[in-house]
Protein backbone atom coordinates (compact mmCIF):
# COMPACT_ATOMS: atom_id res chain seq x y z
CA UNK A 1 0.04 0.01 -0.03
CA UNK A 2 2.89 2.27 0.98
CA UNK A 3 4.58 1.43 -2.19
CA UNK A 4 1.55 2.00 -4.15
CA UNK A 5 1.28 5.52 -2.74
CA UNK A 6 4.79 6.15 -3.28
CA UNK A 7 4.42 5.34 -7.04
CA UNK A 8 1.46 7.67 -7.42
CA UNK A 9 3.12 10.49 -5.45
CA UNK A 10 6.23 10.12 -7.90
CA UNK A 11 3.86 10.14 -10.86
CA UNK A 12 2.18 13.22 -9.55
CA UNK A 13 5.50 14.99 -9.13
CA UNK A 14 6.60 14.03 -12.79
CA UNK A 15 3.33 15.22 -14.03
CA UNK A 16 3.39 18.57 -12.25
CA UNK A 17 7.10 19.08 -13.30
CA UNK A 18 6.04 18.23 -17.03
CA UNK A 19 3.34 20.60 -16.87
CA UNK A 20 5.32 23.40 -15.30
CA UNK A 21 7.94 22.79 -17.99
CA UNK A 22 5.50 22.93 -20.61
CA UNK A 23 4.01 26.03 -19.25
CA UNK A 24 7.32 27.58 -19.11
CA UNK A 25 8.29 26.50 -22.66
CA UNK A 26 5.02 27.84 -23.85
CA UNK A 27 5.60 31.06 -21.99
CA UNK A 28 9.04 31.47 -23.47
CA UNK A 29 7.59 30.66 -26.94
CA UNK A 30 4.98 33.38 -26.44
CA UNK A 31 7.51 35.78 -25.39
CA UNK A 32 9.70 34.91 -28.40
CA UNK A 33 6.76 35.27 -30.54
CA UNK A 34 5.73 38.83 -29.16
CA UNK A 35 9.32 39.84 -29.58
CA UNK A 36 9.41 38.67 -33.21
CA UNK A 37 6.10 40.71 -33.87
CA UNK A 38 7.59 43.75 -32.28
CA UNK A 39 10.71 43.43 -34.42
CA UNK A 40 8.46 42.95 -37.42
CA UNK A 41 6.44 46.10 -36.50
CA UNK A 42 9.52 48.36 -36.03
CA UNK A 43 10.85 47.01 -39.23
CA UNK A 44 7.71 47.83 -41.11
CA UNK A 45 7.37 51.17 -39.45
CA UNK A 46 11.08 52.04 -40.34
CA UNK A 47 10.40 50.80 -43.79
CA UNK A 48 7.31 53.01 -44.17
CA UNK A 49 9.07 56.07 -42.97
CA UNK A 50 12.00 55.46 -45.43
CA UNK A 51 9.39 55.10 -48.27
CA UNK A 52 7.57 58.16 -47.28
CA UNK A 53 10.88 60.10 -47.11
CA UNK A 54 11.85 58.87 -50.47
CA UNK A 55 8.41 59.83 -51.87
CA UNK A 56 8.55 63.22 -50.36
CA UNK A 57 11.65 63.99 -52.12
CA UNK A 58 10.70 62.22 -55.37
CA UNK A 59 9.91 65.31 -57.42
CA UNK A 60 13.05 67.12 -56.12
CA UNK A 61 15.24 64.00 -57.27
CA UNK A 62 13.41 63.71 -60.43
CA UNK A 63 13.69 67.40 -61.07
CA UNK A 64 17.33 67.09 -60.57
CA UNK A 65 17.70 63.89 -62.52
CA UNK A 66 18.33 65.90 -65.64
CA UNK A 67 21.01 68.58 -65.45
CA UNK A 68 19.56 71.87 -64.51
CA UNK A 69 19.82 74.53 -67.27
CA UNK A 70 20.96 77.00 -64.64
CA UNK A 71 23.28 75.43 -62.27
CA UNK A 72 23.34 76.98 -58.74
CA UNK A 73 27.24 76.91 -58.44
CA UNK A 74 27.77 78.49 -61.79
CA UNK A 75 25.68 81.54 -60.86
CA UNK A 76 27.88 84.66 -59.75
CA UNK A 77 27.44 87.99 -58.67
CA UNK A 78 28.53 89.32 -61.92
CA UNK A 79 26.59 87.16 -63.98
CA UNK A 80 23.31 88.38 -62.28
CA UNK A 81 24.33 92.00 -62.40
CA UNK A 82 25.41 91.63 -66.09
CA UNK A 83 22.25 89.66 -67.32
CA UNK A 84 19.28 90.40 -65.21
CA UNK A 85 17.92 93.05 -67.60
CA UNK A 86 17.58 90.76 -70.56
CA UNK A 87 14.24 90.75 -71.92
CA UNK A 88 13.67 87.16 -72.88
CA UNK A 89 10.61 86.74 -75.36
CA UNK A 90 11.24 83.08 -76.38
CA UNK A 91 8.47 80.19 -76.42
CA UNK A 92 7.24 78.79 -73.46
CA UNK A 93 9.61 76.03 -71.92
CA UNK A 94 6.75 73.90 -70.58
CA UNK A 95 3.90 74.08 -72.92
CA UNK A 96 1.45 71.80 -71.20
CA UNK A 97 1.89 73.52 -67.72
CA UNK A 98 -0.78 76.29 -66.78
CA UNK A 99 1.03 79.48 -65.55
CA UNK A 100 -0.52 82.36 -63.74
CA UNK A 101 1.03 85.70 -62.83
CA UNK A 102 -0.14 88.25 -60.52
CA UNK A 103 0.24 92.03 -61.34
CA UNK A 104 0.11 94.54 -58.66
CA UNK A 105 -0.36 98.28 -59.09
CA UNK A 106 2.44 98.97 -56.53
CA UNK A 107 4.93 97.11 -58.72
CA UNK A 108 3.82 98.39 -61.90
CA UNK A 109 6.76 97.06 -63.76
CA UNK A 110 4.66 94.00 -63.96
CA UNK A 111 2.21 95.52 -66.51
CA UNK A 112 4.75 95.86 -69.36
CA UNK A 113 6.54 92.67 -68.42
CA UNK A 114 3.26 90.62 -68.51
CA UNK A 115 2.69 91.92 -72.23
CA UNK A 116 6.25 90.89 -73.07
CA UNK A 117 5.82 87.39 -71.82
CA UNK A 118 2.18 87.09 -72.62
CA UNK A 119 2.82 84.14 -74.98
CA UNK A 120 4.06 82.13 -72.08
CA UNK A 121 1.34 82.89 -69.60
CA UNK A 122 -2.02 81.09 -69.33
CA UNK A 123 -3.62 83.54 -66.82
CA UNK A 124 -2.74 87.07 -65.84
CA UNK A 125 -4.35 88.13 -62.32
CA UNK A 126 -4.27 91.93 -61.86
CA UNK A 127 -4.79 92.81 -58.09
CA UNK A 128 -7.58 95.09 -58.43
CA UNK A 129 -10.75 94.39 -56.78
CA UNK A 130 -12.17 93.86 -53.22
CA UNK A 131 -15.33 92.37 -51.98
CA UNK A 132 -16.68 94.07 -48.93
CA UNK A 133 -19.98 94.33 -47.05
CA UNK A 134 -22.55 96.93 -48.24
CA UNK A 135 -22.49 99.95 -45.82
CA UNK A 136 -26.31 100.26 -45.59
CA UNK A 137 -26.98 96.58 -45.55
CA UNK A 138 -24.54 94.27 -44.24
CA UNK A 139 -26.18 91.19 -45.80
CA UNK A 140 -25.17 92.43 -49.12
CA UNK A 141 -21.92 92.96 -50.84
CA UNK A 142 -20.08 95.46 -52.79
CA UNK A 143 -17.17 95.58 -55.17
CA UNK A 144 -14.42 98.23 -54.74
CA UNK A 145 -11.31 98.92 -56.70
CA UNK A 146 -12.84 99.04 -60.17
CA UNK A 147 -11.06 102.30 -60.80
CA UNK A 148 -7.86 100.21 -61.24
CA UNK A 149 -9.27 98.33 -64.21
CA UNK A 150 -7.05 99.33 -67.31
CA UNK A 151 -8.85 98.62 -70.46
CA UNK A 152 -5.77 99.65 -72.75
CA UNK A 153 -3.60 97.37 -71.00
CA UNK A 154 -6.09 94.53 -71.22
CA UNK A 155 -6.23 95.26 -74.97
CA UNK A 156 -2.53 94.99 -75.28
CA UNK A 157 -2.53 91.61 -73.45
CA UNK A 158 -5.07 90.19 -75.75
CA UNK A 159 -3.18 91.31 -78.94
CA UNK A 160 0.11 89.84 -77.31
CA UNK A 161 -1.80 86.48 -76.64
CA UNK A 162 -5.45 86.02 -77.74
CA UNK A 163 -5.63 82.79 -75.73
CA UNK A 164 -4.77 84.49 -72.44
CA UNK A 165 -7.14 84.57 -69.75
CA UNK A 166 -7.52 87.73 -67.51
CA UNK A 167 -8.89 86.93 -64.12
CA UNK A 168 -8.46 90.00 -61.48
CA UNK A 169 -8.05 89.16 -57.85
CA UNK A 170 -11.10 89.69 -55.85
CA UNK A 171 -10.19 89.65 -52.03
CA UNK A 172 -12.71 89.17 -49.43
CA UNK A 173 -12.25 91.65 -46.68
CA UNK A 174 -13.82 93.76 -43.87
CA UNK A 175 -16.49 91.33 -43.31
CA UNK A 176 -17.09 90.55 -39.56
CA UNK A 177 -17.57 86.98 -38.66
CA UNK A 178 -21.40 87.42 -38.45
CA UNK A 179 -21.42 89.16 -41.59
CA UNK A 180 -19.40 86.40 -43.19
CA UNK A 181 -21.80 83.95 -41.75
CA UNK A 182 -24.87 85.75 -43.40
CA UNK A 183 -23.00 85.97 -46.85
CA UNK A 184 -21.91 82.27 -46.86
CA UNK A 185 -24.97 80.50 -45.39
CA UNK A 186 -27.70 82.64 -46.91
CA UNK A 187 -28.61 81.35 -50.48
CA UNK A 188 -30.25 84.76 -51.32
CA UNK A 189 -27.31 86.92 -50.08
CA UNK A 190 -24.71 84.56 -51.78
CA UNK A 191 -26.60 84.58 -55.09
CA UNK A 192 -27.14 88.28 -55.20
CA UNK A 193 -23.29 88.71 -54.47
CA UNK A 194 -22.19 86.40 -57.09
CA UNK A 195 -24.48 87.99 -59.69
CA UNK A 196 -22.77 91.41 -58.93
CA UNK A 197 -19.41 89.84 -59.67
CA UNK A 198 -20.66 88.25 -62.86
CA UNK A 199 -22.21 91.58 -64.05
CA UNK A 200 -18.78 93.46 -63.39
CA UNK A 201 -16.85 90.82 -65.13
CA UNK A 202 -19.10 90.72 -68.24
CA UNK A 203 -19.14 94.66 -68.47
CA UNK A 204 -15.29 94.95 -68.08
CA UNK A 205 -14.60 92.15 -70.62
CA UNK A 206 -12.85 90.07 -68.08
CA UNK A 207 -12.61 86.11 -68.22
CA UNK A 208 -13.09 85.18 -64.44
CA UNK A 209 -11.91 85.91 -61.08
CA UNK A 210 -9.20 84.79 -58.53
CA UNK A 211 -11.39 84.62 -55.40
CA UNK A 212 -9.06 85.21 -52.27
CA UNK A 213 -11.35 84.36 -49.39
CA UNK A 214 -10.46 80.97 -48.13
CA UNK A 215 -8.60 81.84 -44.97
CA UNK A 216 -10.94 84.76 -43.71
CA UNK A 217 -13.96 82.55 -44.29
CA UNK A 218 -12.34 79.56 -42.30
CA UNK A 219 -11.61 82.06 -39.61
CA UNK A 220 -15.19 83.42 -39.54
CA UNK A 221 -16.69 80.02 -39.64
CA UNK A 222 -14.64 79.13 -36.37
CA UNK A 223 -15.48 82.42 -34.74
CA UNK A 224 -19.20 82.72 -35.67
CA UNK A 225 -19.87 78.81 -35.32
CA UNK A 226 -20.96 78.10 -38.97
CA UNK A 227 -20.30 75.03 -40.66
CA UNK A 228 -17.09 75.23 -42.96
CA UNK A 229 -18.84 72.80 -45.30
CA UNK A 230 -21.49 75.47 -46.01
CA UNK A 231 -18.96 77.93 -46.83
CA UNK A 232 -17.25 75.66 -49.21
CA UNK A 233 -20.58 74.75 -50.93
CA UNK A 234 -20.96 78.47 -51.37
CA UNK A 235 -17.65 78.73 -53.12
CA UNK A 236 -18.67 75.80 -55.18
CA UNK A 237 -22.01 77.53 -56.00
CA UNK A 238 -20.11 80.71 -57.08
CA UNK A 239 -17.96 78.59 -59.28
CA UNK A 240 -20.97 76.84 -61.10
CA UNK A 241 -22.70 80.50 -61.57
CA UNK A 242 -19.35 81.59 -63.24
CA UNK A 243 -19.15 78.65 -65.52
CA UNK A 244 -22.61 79.10 -66.64
CA UNK A 245 -21.44 82.40 -68.06
CA UNK A 246 -18.30 80.80 -69.26
CA UNK A 247 -16.13 82.50 -66.66
CA UNK A 248 -13.11 81.01 -64.70
CA UNK A 249 -12.49 80.90 -60.97
CA UNK A 250 -9.17 80.24 -59.26
CA UNK A 251 -9.23 79.64 -55.38
CA UNK A 252 -5.91 80.71 -53.46
CA UNK A 253 -5.49 78.83 -50.24
CA UNK A 254 -2.66 79.34 -47.55
CA UNK A 255 -0.02 76.48 -47.29
CA UNK A 256 -1.70 73.61 -45.31
CA UNK A 257 1.75 72.27 -44.37
CA UNK A 258 3.41 74.35 -41.78
CA UNK A 259 7.26 75.04 -41.23
CA UNK A 260 7.45 71.97 -38.93
CA UNK A 261 6.12 69.86 -41.79
CA UNK A 262 2.92 69.33 -40.26
CA UNK A 263 -0.38 69.16 -42.07
CA UNK A 264 -3.04 71.70 -40.89
CA UNK A 265 -6.28 69.90 -41.83
CA UNK A 266 -8.16 72.95 -40.81
CA UNK A 267 -6.65 74.61 -43.89
CA UNK A 268 -7.05 71.94 -46.34
CA UNK A 269 -8.55 68.35 -46.38
CA UNK A 270 -8.96 65.84 -49.29
CA UNK A 271 -12.75 65.92 -48.61
CA UNK A 272 -12.82 69.60 -49.67
CA UNK A 273 -12.49 68.23 -53.34
CA UNK A 274 -15.51 66.28 -52.93
CA UNK A 275 -17.33 69.45 -51.91
CA UNK A 276 -15.87 71.63 -54.54
CA UNK A 277 -16.47 68.96 -57.46
CA UNK A 278 -15.65 70.58 -60.81
CA UNK A 279 -16.90 74.17 -59.79
CA UNK A 280 -13.41 75.43 -59.29
CA UNK A 281 -10.93 75.66 -62.31
CA UNK A 282 -7.79 75.81 -60.11
CA UNK A 283 -6.68 75.87 -56.42
CA UNK A 284 -3.72 77.90 -55.88
CA UNK A 285 -1.35 77.24 -53.04
CA UNK A 286 0.29 80.34 -51.73
CA UNK A 287 3.77 78.83 -51.18
CA UNK A 288 5.48 81.93 -51.78
CA UNK A 289 5.61 82.82 -48.04
CA UNK A 290 7.36 80.55 -45.34
CA UNK A 291 6.48 81.26 -41.81
CA UNK A 292 8.63 79.34 -39.32
CA UNK A 293 7.91 79.51 -35.73
CA UNK A 294 11.26 81.40 -34.87
CA UNK A 295 10.27 84.29 -37.31
CA UNK A 296 11.85 87.38 -35.92
CA UNK A 297 14.69 85.81 -34.15
CA UNK A 298 16.73 84.11 -36.86
CA UNK A 299 17.62 83.98 -40.58
CA UNK A 300 15.17 81.88 -42.53
CA UNK A 301 14.63 81.02 -46.23
CA UNK A 302 12.03 82.38 -48.55
CA UNK A 303 10.42 79.03 -49.38
CA UNK A 304 12.37 75.73 -48.77
CA UNK A 305 12.06 73.39 -51.85
CA UNK A 306 11.12 70.40 -49.61
CA UNK A 307 8.27 72.32 -47.80
CA UNK A 308 7.17 73.57 -51.23
CA UNK A 309 6.82 69.88 -52.42
CA UNK A 310 5.28 68.77 -49.21
CA UNK A 311 2.48 71.45 -49.69
CA UNK A 312 1.98 70.42 -53.25
CA UNK A 313 1.53 66.86 -52.12
CA UNK A 314 -1.10 67.74 -49.51
CA UNK A 315 -3.43 69.25 -52.08
CA UNK A 316 -3.12 67.28 -55.29
CA UNK A 317 -5.08 64.32 -53.57
CA UNK A 318 -3.79 60.91 -52.25
CA UNK A 319 -3.02 59.57 -55.76
CA UNK A 320 -2.39 62.82 -57.39
CA UNK A 321 -5.72 62.89 -59.01
CA UNK A 322 -6.26 66.53 -58.68
CA UNK A 323 -2.65 67.69 -59.74
CA UNK A 324 -3.84 69.27 -62.94
CA UNK A 325 -6.20 71.62 -61.08
CA UNK A 326 -3.40 72.86 -58.69
CA UNK A 327 -1.12 75.96 -59.14
CA UNK A 328 2.04 75.83 -57.03
CA UNK A 329 2.96 79.36 -55.69
CA UNK A 330 6.28 80.83 -56.75
CA UNK A 331 8.02 83.94 -55.62
CA UNK A 332 9.74 86.93 -57.27
CA UNK A 333 10.76 88.58 -54.17
CA UNK A 334 13.05 88.04 -51.32
CA UNK A 335 13.21 88.25 -47.48
CA UNK A 336 16.31 89.75 -45.52
CA UNK A 337 17.22 89.70 -41.80
CA UNK A 338 19.60 92.27 -40.54
CA UNK A 339 20.84 91.63 -37.11
CA UNK A 340 22.77 94.95 -36.69
CA UNK A 341 19.45 96.82 -36.94
CA UNK A 342 17.21 94.00 -35.51
CA UNK A 343 15.14 94.10 -38.72
CA UNK A 344 13.39 91.80 -40.89
CA UNK A 345 11.50 92.51 -44.23
CA UNK A 346 10.57 91.79 -47.74
CA UNK A 347 13.14 92.52 -50.53
CA UNK A 348 12.31 93.76 -54.02
CA UNK A 349 14.73 93.45 -57.04
CA UNK A 350 16.16 97.13 -56.70
CA UNK A 351 17.45 96.42 -53.31
CA UNK A 352 18.82 93.02 -54.01
CA UNK A 353 20.66 94.38 -56.90
CA UNK A 354 22.23 97.23 -54.77
CA UNK A 355 23.24 94.86 -52.04
CA UNK A 356 24.74 92.43 -54.50
CA UNK A 357 26.82 95.22 -56.02
CA UNK A 358 28.54 95.89 -52.90
CA UNK A 359 32.07 94.64 -53.12
CA UNK A 360 32.02 92.93 -49.65
CA UNK A 361 28.65 91.03 -50.28
CA UNK A 362 28.97 87.36 -50.83
CA UNK A 363 26.49 85.25 -52.94
CA UNK A 364 25.99 81.66 -51.46
CA UNK A 365 23.86 78.66 -52.24
CA UNK A 366 21.98 76.84 -49.54
CA UNK A 367 21.75 73.24 -50.82
CA UNK A 368 19.41 72.11 -48.06
CA UNK A 369 16.46 74.82 -48.90
CA UNK A 370 17.70 74.96 -52.60
CA UNK A 371 17.98 78.86 -52.58
CA UNK A 372 20.56 81.59 -52.91
CA UNK A 373 21.30 84.28 -50.26
CA UNK A 374 23.55 87.25 -50.04
CA UNK A 375 25.68 87.76 -47.04
CA UNK A 376 26.71 91.30 -46.15
CA UNK A 377 28.13 92.03 -42.63
CA UNK A 378 25.29 90.96 -40.09
CA UNK A 379 22.79 90.90 -42.82
CA UNK A 380 21.54 87.94 -44.76
CA UNK A 381 19.10 88.09 -47.78
CA UNK A 382 17.45 85.17 -49.36
CA UNK A 383 16.17 86.18 -53.08
CA UNK A 384 15.08 83.94 -55.96
CA UNK A 385 17.53 83.22 -58.65
CA UNK A 386 17.15 81.26 -62.01
CA UNK A 387 18.33 77.95 -60.21
CA UNK A 388 15.98 78.25 -57.55
CA UNK A 389 13.04 79.05 -59.69
CA UNK A 390 13.95 76.33 -62.11
CA UNK A 391 13.80 73.76 -59.31
CA UNK A 392 10.43 74.74 -57.98
CA UNK A 393 8.98 75.02 -61.59
CA UNK A 394 10.26 71.43 -62.23
CA UNK A 395 8.71 70.08 -59.06
CA UNK A 396 5.34 71.54 -60.15
CA UNK A 397 5.90 70.11 -63.65
CA UNK A 398 6.95 66.64 -62.49
CA UNK A 399 3.53 66.17 -60.57
CA UNK A 400 1.57 67.60 -63.50
CA UNK A 401 0.56 70.87 -61.85
CA UNK A 402 0.83 74.41 -62.76
CA UNK A 403 2.46 77.41 -61.18
CA UNK A 404 1.43 80.85 -60.05
CA UNK A 405 3.91 83.89 -59.59
CA UNK A 406 3.67 86.55 -56.98
CA UNK A 407 4.25 88.91 -58.33
CA UNK A 408 5.65 89.73 -61.93
CA UNK A 409 6.88 93.26 -61.25
CA UNK A 410 8.71 92.42 -58.16
CA UNK A 411 11.71 90.24 -59.48
CA UNK A 412 14.26 90.48 -62.10
CA UNK A 413 13.41 90.81 -65.74
CA UNK A 414 15.19 87.55 -66.94
CA UNK A 415 13.29 85.44 -64.56
CA UNK A 416 10.92 84.83 -67.44
CA UNK A 417 13.40 82.54 -68.80
CA UNK A 418 12.29 79.63 -66.86
CA UNK A 419 8.56 80.00 -67.74
């Protein structure tokens, strides 16, 4: 009996030991499995990040796969000072790429320049008009700035290029958030306002409008608590009304990717294309201004090429399906930081050339942001050059998009070479 109990006890010990061994083995296997899964997840995440990085720079690399016509290192102070006045009137370089140029009354060199390069432009956007609330009835709108409309210049443009479209910029301003809500949520007020716009375009013989109101409308929607979708639908309804009269509409938007390369979905979301449909001819990204967080405390570039490309990618759609309806913003002015005077500000062609002519000024190329800058004492000035403009134009062309220039009267005469 004792022997039998001993055998049973030994059997139990063996069984428990076996179970414990199996449990331990299973536990170790599970741990190894989890570790392998974690390694796999990390590897996949790393691969995705690498692919994302490759894709982000795809157009920049492709744009540089063929030698640049204007090589950054070959550009010199003397070549700029000697050649910048050249009036290039050759054929358009990218014949399939829509090209829009803004013209501002305060940089009136752009008026004559637009006529000279009209054959290489698709759209000219003179900065003439403002859309404001009616003084006697805030639910109504009024259009100001009509005194700037220059019929003689319009005729010269049409003679130079009969296919050219002339779309004055119409900027939405002076509306309070509540007035904006009334305009963009009331069908009657909205229809009445676009009717006034169409009447003006027809009487002045203009081809459409560049409607700059995206950012103020989004701000007003937040402040006055009305649906952004309603505001976008109003833009769409205005576009449909313009199309019925065979007029075009371009919708400028701020850069949706900030200086830290983060997408601001409050500025742009892919779903907005669904709301806009075919009612808008082009969405124009205002990538001519770069606003880093440290602005005012350090030197920064005008518009880094990678940031420009990121913004384009953010708007053209997940698969690039809307690329041919997007205009990428290019700049013809610069920006300087003067630490000796603690000043920063925009720079036009005249100041750039005067600075460059100083014997102590040094012209350098920043390969990271793909821009030239001039260094003079404690002042540093970024300004567009033929290479920097060619690189950004190639980025737009690589994705199948167009470009818009702010503005044609600010830069150097020979910038038209890269169009």
